[in-house]
Amino acid sequence: MVTIKEFTDQIQAEILRSFLSDNQIEAILTDEFASAWSPARTLVPIRLQVPDDQTEAAVNLMKEFEDSPIIPELDDV
């Protein structure tokens, strides 16, 4: 498994993990509960990991996700 991103926010980590999973990437979060026990969440980051052979596809999808607008433009209704 390869770590492709680290988070301090569990919700943000889960949103991206879910997006990757929805796109057939086997994404997992590690240390997601360890950070809940630490008052200094940055000391124990939540790591988003994917299998070695899916790293390139996952990174490309992650960039697409991060570059997408928060509210997509609607076509003429």
PDB file of N, CA and C in Angstrom:
ATOM      1  N   MET A   1       0.842  -1.183   0.000  1.00  0.00           N
ATOM      2  CA  MET A   1       0.000   0.000   0.000  1.00  0.00           C
ATOM      3  C   MET A   1       0.890   1.249   0.000  1.00  0.00           C
ATOM      4  N   VAL A   2       0.402   2.275  -0.682  1.00  0.00           N
ATOM      5  CA  VAL A   2       1.136   3.528  -0.811  1.00  0.00           C
ATOM      6  C   VAL A   2       0.272   4.656  -0.238  1.00  0.00           C
ATOM      7  N   THR A   3       0.882   5.494   0.580  1.00  0.00           N
ATOM      8  CA  THR A   3       0.185   6.668   1.109  1.00  0.00           C
ATOM      9  C   THR A   3       0.213   7.751   0.039  1.00  0.00           C
ATOM     10  N   ILE A   4      -0.977   8.214  -0.353  1.00  0.00           N
ATOM     11  CA  ILE A   4      -1.033   9.255  -1.383  1.00  0.00           C
ATOM     12  C   ILE A   4      -1.404  10.621  -0.808  1.00  0.00           C
ATOM     13  N   LYS A   5      -1.903  10.646   0.443  1.00  0.00           N
ATOM     14  CA  LYS A   5      -2.240  11.932   1.064  1.00  0.00           C
ATOM     15  C   LYS A   5      -2.410  11.718   2.562  1.00  0.00           C
ATOM     16  N   GLU A   6      -2.092  12.759   3.321  1.00  0.00           N
ATOM     17  CA  GLU A   6      -2.294  12.744   4.763  1.00  0.00           C
ATOM     18  C   GLU A   6      -3.269  13.853   5.138  1.00  0.00           C
ATOM     19  N   PHE A   7      -4.085  13.581   6.144  1.00  0.00           N
ATOM     20  CA  PHE A   7      -5.121  14.523   6.586  1.00  0.00           C
ATOM     21  C   PHE A   7      -5.053  14.725   8.091  1.00  0.00           C
ATOM     22  N   THR A   8      -5.570  15.852   8.538  1.00  0.00           N
ATOM     23  CA  THR A   8      -5.816  16.063   9.959  1.00  0.00           C
ATOM     24  C   THR A   8      -7.316  16.061  10.229  1.00  0.00           C
ATOM     25  N   ASP A   9      -8.110  16.074   9.174  1.00  0.00           N
ATOM     26  CA  ASP A   9      -9.569  16.111   9.286  1.00  0.00           C
ATOM     27  C   ASP A   9     -10.152  14.785   8.787  1.00  0.00           C
ATOM     28  N   GLN A  10     -10.822  14.067   9.665  1.00  0.00           N
ATOM     29  CA  GLN A  10     -11.362  12.757   9.317  1.00  0.00           C
ATOM     30  C   GLN A  10     -12.446  12.847   8.241  1.00  0.00           C
ATOM     31  N   ILE A  11     -13.243  13.886   8.269  1.00  0.00           N
ATOM     32  CA  ILE A  11     -14.324  14.023   7.283  1.00  0.00           C
ATOM     33  C   ILE A  11     -13.745  14.219   5.881  1.00  0.00           C
ATOM     34  N   GLN A  12     -12.748  15.083   5.747  1.00  0.00           N
ATOM     35  CA  GLN A  12     -12.119  15.286   4.440  1.00  0.00           C
ATOM     36  C   GLN A  12     -11.481  13.996   3.938  1.00  0.00           C
ATOM     37  N   ALA A  13     -10.848  13.271   4.845  1.00  0.00           N
ATOM     38  CA  ALA A  13     -10.217  11.999   4.467  1.00  0.00           C
ATOM     39  C   ALA A  13     -11.262  11.011   3.964  1.00  0.00           C
ATOM     40  N   GLU A  14     -12.374  10.920   4.644  1.00  0.00           N
ATOM     41  CA  GLU A  14     -13.415   9.965   4.256  1.00  0.00           C
ATOM     42  C   GLU A  14     -14.076  10.357   2.935  1.00  0.00           C
ATOM     43  N   ILE A  15     -14.239  11.632   2.692  1.00  0.00           N
ATOM     44  CA  ILE A  15     -14.837  12.084   1.425  1.00  0.00           C
ATOM     45  C   ILE A  15     -13.960  11.652   0.247  1.00  0.00           C
ATOM     46  N   LEU A  16     -12.655  11.880   0.353  1.00  0.00           N
ATOM     47  CA  LEU A  16     -11.762  11.501  -0.735  1.00  0.00           C
ATOM     48  C   LEU A  16     -11.655   9.984  -0.858  1.00  0.00           C
ATOM     49  N   ARG A  17     -11.611   9.264   0.265  1.00  0.00           N
ATOM     50  CA  ARG A  17     -11.579   7.799   0.215  1.00  0.00           C
ATOM     51  C   ARG A  17     -12.814   7.265  -0.493  1.00  0.00           C
ATOM     52  N   SER A  18     -13.967   7.823  -0.163  1.00  0.00           N
ATOM     53  CA  SER A  18     -15.225   7.402  -0.783  1.00  0.00           C
ATOM     54  C   SER A  18     -15.231   7.690  -2.281  1.00  0.00           C
ATOM     55  N   PHE A  19     -14.738   8.865  -2.672  1.00  0.00           N
ATOM     56  CA  PHE A  19     -14.655   9.216  -4.095  1.00  0.00           C
ATOM     57  C   PHE A  19     -13.787   8.215  -4.852  1.00  0.00           C
ATOM     58  N   LEU A  20     -12.635   7.885  -4.288  1.00  0.00           N
ATOM     59  CA  LEU A  20     -11.755   6.915  -4.944  1.00  0.00           C
ATOM     60  C   LEU A  20     -12.423   5.542  -5.019  1.00  0.00           C
ATOM     61  N   SER A  21     -13.055   5.132  -3.950  1.00  0.00           N
ATOM     62  CA  SER A  21     -13.746   3.834  -3.945  1.00  0.00           C
ATOM     63  C   SER A  21     -14.859   3.797  -4.986  1.00  0.00           C
ATOM     64  N   ASP A  22     -15.577   4.891  -5.120  1.00  0.00           N
ATOM     65  CA  ASP A  22     -16.637   4.979  -6.131  1.00  0.00           C
ATOM     66  C   ASP A  22     -16.079   4.862  -7.545  1.00  0.00           C
ATOM     67  N   ASN A  23     -14.780   5.132  -7.695  1.00  0.00           N
ATOM     68  CA  ASN A  23     -14.115   5.038  -8.992  1.00  0.00           C
ATOM     69  C   ASN A  23     -13.207   3.809  -9.085  1.00  0.00           C
ATOM     70  N   GLN A  24     -13.586   2.770  -8.361  1.00  0.00           N
ATOM     71  CA  GLN A  24     -12.925   1.460  -8.398  1.00  0.00           C
ATOM     72  C   GLN A  24     -11.464   1.459  -7.943  1.00  0.00           C
ATOM     73  N   ILE A  25     -11.127   2.352  -7.029  1.00  0.00           N
ATOM     74  CA  ILE A  25      -9.802   2.361  -6.418  1.00  0.00           C
ATOM     75  C   ILE A  25      -9.963   1.818  -4.999  1.00  0.00           C
ATOM     76  N   GLU A  26      -9.165   0.837  -4.640  1.00  0.00           N
ATOM     77  CA  GLU A  26      -9.235   0.229  -3.313  1.00  0.00           C
ATOM     78  C   GLU A  26      -8.528   1.112  -2.297  1.00  0.00           C
ATOM     79  N   ALA A  27      -9.198   2.135  -1.826  1.00  0.00           N
ATOM     80  CA  ALA A  27      -8.607   3.101  -0.902  1.00  0.00           C
ATOM     81  C   ALA A  27      -8.977   2.765   0.536  1.00  0.00           C
ATOM     82  N   ILE A  28      -7.994   2.920   1.433  1.00  0.00           N
ATOM     83  CA  ILE A  28      -8.249   2.719   2.857  1.00  0.00           C
ATOM     84  C   ILE A  28      -7.664   3.890   3.636  1.00  0.00           C
ATOM     85  N   LEU A  29      -8.188   4.097   4.834  1.00  0.00           N
ATOM     86  CA  LEU A  29      -7.654   5.100   5.739  1.00  0.00           C
ATOM     87  C   LEU A  29      -6.956   4.390   6.884  1.00  0.00           C
ATOM     88  N   THR A  30      -5.762   4.846   7.221  1.00  0.00           N
ATOM     89  CA  THR A  30      -5.054   4.298   8.367  1.00  0.00           C
ATOM     90  C   THR A  30      -4.892   5.396   9.412  1.00  0.00           C
ATOM     91  N   ASP A  31      -4.868   4.980  10.653  1.00  0.00           N
ATOM     92  CA  ASP A  31      -4.725   5.887  11.793  1.00  0.00           C
ATOM     93  C   ASP A  31      -5.885   6.867  11.910  1.00  0.00           C
ATOM     94  N   GLU A  32      -7.040   6.525  11.334  1.00  0.00           N
ATOM     95  CA  GLU A  32      -8.154   7.459  11.396  1.00  0.00           C
ATOM     96  C   GLU A  32      -8.683   7.635  12.814  1.00  0.00           C
ATOM     97  N   PHE A  33      -8.564   6.627  13.648  1.00  0.00           N
ATOM     98  CA  PHE A  33      -9.059   6.755  15.011  1.00  0.00           C
ATOM     99  C   PHE A  33      -7.965   7.167  15.984  1.00  0.00           C
ATOM    100  N   ALA A  34      -6.721   6.958  15.616  1.00  0.00           N
ATOM    101  CA  ALA A  34      -5.614   7.376  16.475  1.00  0.00           C
ATOM    102  C   ALA A  34      -5.598   8.888  16.627  1.00  0.00           C
ATOM    103  N   SER A  35      -5.944   9.597  15.560  1.00  0.00           N
ATOM    104  CA  SER A  35      -5.925  11.056  15.633  1.00  0.00           C
ATOM    105  C   SER A  35      -7.028  11.583  16.551  1.00  0.00           C
ATOM    106  N   ALA A  36      -8.085  10.813  16.734  1.00  0.00           N
ATOM    107  CA  ALA A  36      -9.171  11.241  17.617  1.00  0.00           C
ATOM    108  C   ALA A  36      -8.724  11.257  19.076  1.00  0.00           C
ATOM    109  N   TRP A  37      -7.723  10.459  19.407  1.00  0.00           N
ATOM    110  CA  TRP A  37      -7.245  10.370  20.783  1.00  0.00           C
ATOM    111  C   TRP A  37      -6.194  11.418  21.090  1.00  0.00           C
ATOM    112  N   SER A  38      -5.673  12.065  20.090  1.00  0.00           N
ATOM    113  CA  SER A  38      -4.589  13.021  20.299  1.00  0.00           C
ATOM    114  C   SER A  38      -5.127  14.445  20.262  1.00  0.00           C
ATOM    115  N   PRO A  39      -4.815  15.254  21.279  1.00  0.00           N
ATOM    116  CA  PRO A  39      -5.258  16.648  21.221  1.00  0.00           C
ATOM    117  C   PRO A  39      -4.542  17.417  20.101  1.00  0.00           C
ATOM    118  N   ALA A  40      -3.365  16.963  19.737  1.00  0.00           N
ATOM    119  CA  ALA A  40      -2.623  17.576  18.632  1.00  0.00           C
ATOM    120  C   ALA A  40      -2.755  16.670  17.418  1.00  0.00           C
ATOM    121  N   ARG A  41      -3.833  16.839  16.670  1.00  0.00           N
ATOM    122  CA  ARG A  41      -4.164  15.935  15.556  1.00  0.00           C
ATOM    123  C   ARG A  41      -3.072  15.865  14.491  1.00  0.00           C
ATOM    124  N   THR A  42      -2.270  16.880  14.373  1.00  0.00           N
ATOM    125  CA  THR A  42      -1.230  16.861  13.343  1.00  0.00           C
ATOM    126  C   THR A  42      -0.100  15.903  13.693  1.00  0.00           C
ATOM    127  N   LEU A  43      -0.027  15.454  14.934  1.00  0.00           N
ATOM    128  CA  LEU A  43       1.013  14.506  15.327  1.00  0.00           C
ATOM    129  C   LEU A  43       0.724  13.106  14.795  1.00  0.00           C
ATOM    130  N   VAL A  44      -0.557  12.795  14.604  1.00  0.00           N
ATOM    131  CA  VAL A  44      -0.955  11.481  14.097  1.00  0.00           C
ATOM    132  C   VAL A  44      -1.877  11.710  12.904  1.00  0.00           C
ATOM    133  N   PRO A  45      -1.313  11.921  11.725  1.00  0.00           N
ATOM    134  CA  PRO A  45      -2.163  12.193  10.562  1.00  0.00           C
ATOM    135  C   PRO A  45      -2.913  10.947  10.105  1.00  0.00           C
ATOM    136  N   ILE A  46      -4.055  11.171   9.509  1.00  0.00           N
ATOM    137  CA  ILE A  46      -4.826  10.103   8.871  1.00  0.00           C
ATOM    138  C   ILE A  46      -4.219   9.918   7.489  1.00  0.00           C
ATOM    139  N   ARG A  47      -3.861   8.687   7.150  1.00  0.00           N
ATOM    140  CA  ARG A  47      -3.213   8.429   5.867  1.00  0.00           C
ATOM    141  C   ARG A  47      -4.192   7.733   4.914  1.00  0.00           C
ATOM    142  N   LEU A  48      -4.287   8.262   3.711  1.00  0.00           N
ATOM    143  CA  LEU A  48      -5.077   7.649   2.649  1.00  0.00           C
ATOM    144  C   LEU A  48      -4.134   6.784   1.831  1.00  0.00           C
ATOM    145  N   GLN A  49      -4.423   5.483   1.775  1.00  0.00           N
ATOM    146  CA  GLN A  49      -3.534   4.559   1.084  1.00  0.00           C
ATOM    147  C   GLN A  49      -4.288   3.789   0.000  1.00  0.00           C
ATOM    148  N   VAL A  50      -3.532   3.455  -1.051  1.00  0.00           N
ATOM    149  CA  VAL A  50      -4.049   2.670  -2.171  1.00  0.00           C
ATOM    150  C   VAL A  50      -3.024   1.602  -2.526  1.00  0.00           C
ATOM    151  N   PRO A  51      -3.450   0.522  -3.212  1.00  0.00           N
ATOM    152  CA  PRO A  51      -2.489  -0.491  -3.651  1.00  0.00           C
ATOM    153  C   PRO A  51      -1.465   0.097  -4.613  1.00  0.00           C
ATOM    154  N   ASP A  52      -0.263  -0.462  -4.585  1.00  0.00           N
ATOM    155  CA  ASP A  52       0.835   0.020  -5.441  1.00  0.00           C
ATOM    156  C   ASP A  52       0.413   0.148  -6.897  1.00  0.00           C
ATOM    157  N   ASP A  53      -0.306  -0.848  -7.414  1.00  0.00           N
ATOM    158  CA  ASP A  53      -0.653  -0.853  -8.836  1.00  0.00           C
ATOM    159  C   ASP A  53      -1.782   0.118  -9.194  1.00  0.00           C
ATOM    160  N   GLN A  54      -2.403   0.754  -8.192  1.00  0.00           N
ATOM    161  CA  GLN A  54      -3.462   1.726  -8.455  1.00  0.00           C
ATOM    162  C   GLN A  54      -3.040   3.157  -8.109  1.00  0.00           C
ATOM    163  N   THR A  55      -1.774   3.330  -7.762  1.00  0.00           N
ATOM    164  CA  THR A  55      -1.291   4.639  -7.314  1.00  0.00           C
ATOM    165  C   THR A  55      -1.479   5.724  -8.363  1.00  0.00           C
ATOM    166  N   GLU A  56      -1.044   5.466  -9.580  1.00  0.00           N
ATOM    167  CA  GLU A  56      -1.131   6.491 -10.629  1.00  0.00           C
ATOM    168  C   GLU A  56      -2.579   6.894 -10.890  1.00  0.00           C
ATOM    169  N   ALA A  57      -3.458   5.918 -11.020  1.00  0.00           N
ATOM    170  CA  ALA A  57      -4.874   6.221 -11.260  1.00  0.00           C
ATOM    171  C   ALA A  57      -5.467   6.987 -10.081  1.00  0.00           C
ATOM    172  N   ALA A  58      -5.101   6.603  -8.868  1.00  0.00           N
ATOM    173  CA  ALA A  58      -5.625   7.267  -7.672  1.00  0.00           C
ATOM    174  C   ALA A  58      -5.158   8.720  -7.591  1.00  0.00           C
ATOM    175  N   VAL A  59      -3.892   8.957  -7.878  1.00  0.00           N
ATOM    176  CA  VAL A  59      -3.358  10.322  -7.836  1.00  0.00           C
ATOM    177  C   VAL A  59      -4.030  11.184  -8.901  1.00  0.00           C
ATOM    178  N   ASN A  60      -4.233  10.639 -10.089  1.00  0.00           N
ATOM    179  CA  ASN A  60      -4.915  11.387 -11.149  1.00  0.00           C
ATOM    180  C   ASN A  60      -6.348  11.724 -10.754  1.00  0.00           C
ATOM    181  N   LEU A  61      -7.071  10.761 -10.163  1.00  0.00           N
ATOM    182  CA  LEU A  61      -8.441  11.015  -9.716  1.00  0.00           C
ATOM    183  C   LEU A  61      -8.462  12.031  -8.586  1.00  0.00           C
ATOM    184  N   MET A  62      -7.498  11.938  -7.682  1.00  0.00           N
ATOM    185  CA  MET A  62      -7.429  12.874  -6.568  1.00  0.00           C
ATOM    186  C   MET A  62      -7.226  14.295  -7.079  1.00  0.00           C
ATOM    187  N   LYS A  63      -6.345  14.483  -8.054  1.00  0.00           N
ATOM    188  CA  LYS A  63      -6.127  15.812  -8.631  1.00  0.00           C
ATOM    189  C   LYS A  63      -7.398  16.315  -9.305  1.00  0.00           C
ATOM    190  N   GLU A  64      -8.088  15.429 -10.027  1.00  0.00           N
ATOM    191  CA  GLU A  64      -9.344  15.797 -10.683  1.00  0.00           C
ATOM    192  C   GLU A  64     -10.367  16.234  -9.638  1.00  0.00           C
ATOM    193  N   PHE A  65     -10.451  15.485  -8.550  1.00  0.00           N
ATOM    194  CA  PHE A  65     -11.395  15.791  -7.473  1.00  0.00           C
ATOM    195  C   PHE A  65     -11.069  17.141  -6.840  1.00  0.00           C
ATOM    196  N   GLU A  66      -9.797  17.377  -6.541  1.00  0.00           N
ATOM    197  CA  GLU A  66      -9.391  18.613  -5.876  1.00  0.00           C
ATOM    198  C   GLU A  66      -9.512  19.829  -6.784  1.00  0.00           C
ATOM    199  N   ASP A  67      -9.419  19.633  -8.098  1.00  0.00           N
ATOM    200  CA  ASP A  67      -9.527  20.742  -9.049  1.00  0.00           C
ATOM    201  C   ASP A  67     -10.965  21.030  -9.465  1.00  0.00           C
ATOM    202  N   SER A  68     -11.894  20.137  -9.106  1.00  0.00           N
ATOM    203  CA  SER A  68     -13.274  20.323  -9.533  1.00  0.00           C
ATOM    204  C   SER A  68     -13.945  21.417  -8.703  1.00  0.00           C
ATOM    205  N   PRO A  69     -14.904  22.125  -9.293  1.00  0.00           N
ATOM    206  CA  PRO A  69     -15.597  23.177  -8.550  1.00  0.00           C
ATOM    207  C   PRO A  69     -16.442  22.568  -7.428  1.00  0.00           C
ATOM    208  N   ILE A  70     -16.636  23.333  -6.380  1.00  0.00           N
ATOM    209  CA  ILE A  70     -17.446  22.852  -5.261  1.00  0.00           C
ATOM    210  C   ILE A  70     -18.885  22.649  -5.720  1.00  0.00           C
ATOM    211  N   ILE A  71     -19.397  23.601  -6.469  1.00  0.00           N
ATOM    212  CA  ILE A  71     -20.758  23.491  -7.006  1.00  0.00           C
ATOM    213  C   ILE A  71     -20.624  23.432  -8.519  1.00  0.00           C
ATOM    214  N   PRO A  72     -20.900  22.267  -9.108  1.00  0.00           N
ATOM    215  CA  PRO A  72     -20.757  22.159 -10.558  1.00  0.00           C
ATOM    216  C   PRO A  72     -21.732  23.090 -11.285  1.00  0.00           C
ATOM    217  N   GLU A  73     -21.279  23.562 -12.430  1.00  0.00           N
ATOM    218  CA  GLU A  73     -22.136  24.426 -13.234  1.00  0.00           C
ATOM    219  C   GLU A  73     -23.278  23.591 -13.805  1.00  0.00           C
ATOM    220  N   LEU A  74     -24.453  24.164 -13.811  1.00  0.00           N
ATOM    221  CA  LEU A  74     -25.621  23.480 -14.334  1.00  0.00           C
ATOM    222  C   LEU A  74     -25.811  23.850 -15.796  1.00  0.00           C
ATOM    223  N   ASP A  75     -26.192  22.874 -16.586  1.00  0.00           N
ATOM    224  CA  ASP A  75     -26.541  23.170 -17.980  1.00  0.00           C
ATOM    225  C   ASP A  75     -27.847  23.965 -17.979  1.00  0.00           C
ATOM    226  N   ASP A  76     -28.141  24.584 -19.098  1.00  0.00           N
ATOM    227  CA  ASP A  76     -29.402  25.332 -19.208  1.00  0.00           C
ATOM    228  C   ASP A  76     -30.551  24.410 -18.886  1.00  0.00           C
ATOM    229  N   VAL A  77     -31.358  24.846 -17.964  1.00  0.00           N
ATOM    230  CA  VAL A  77     -32.498  24.009 -17.502  1.00  0.00           C
ATOM    231  C   VAL A  77     -33.757  24.475 -18.152  1.00  0.00           C
TER     232      VAL A  77
END
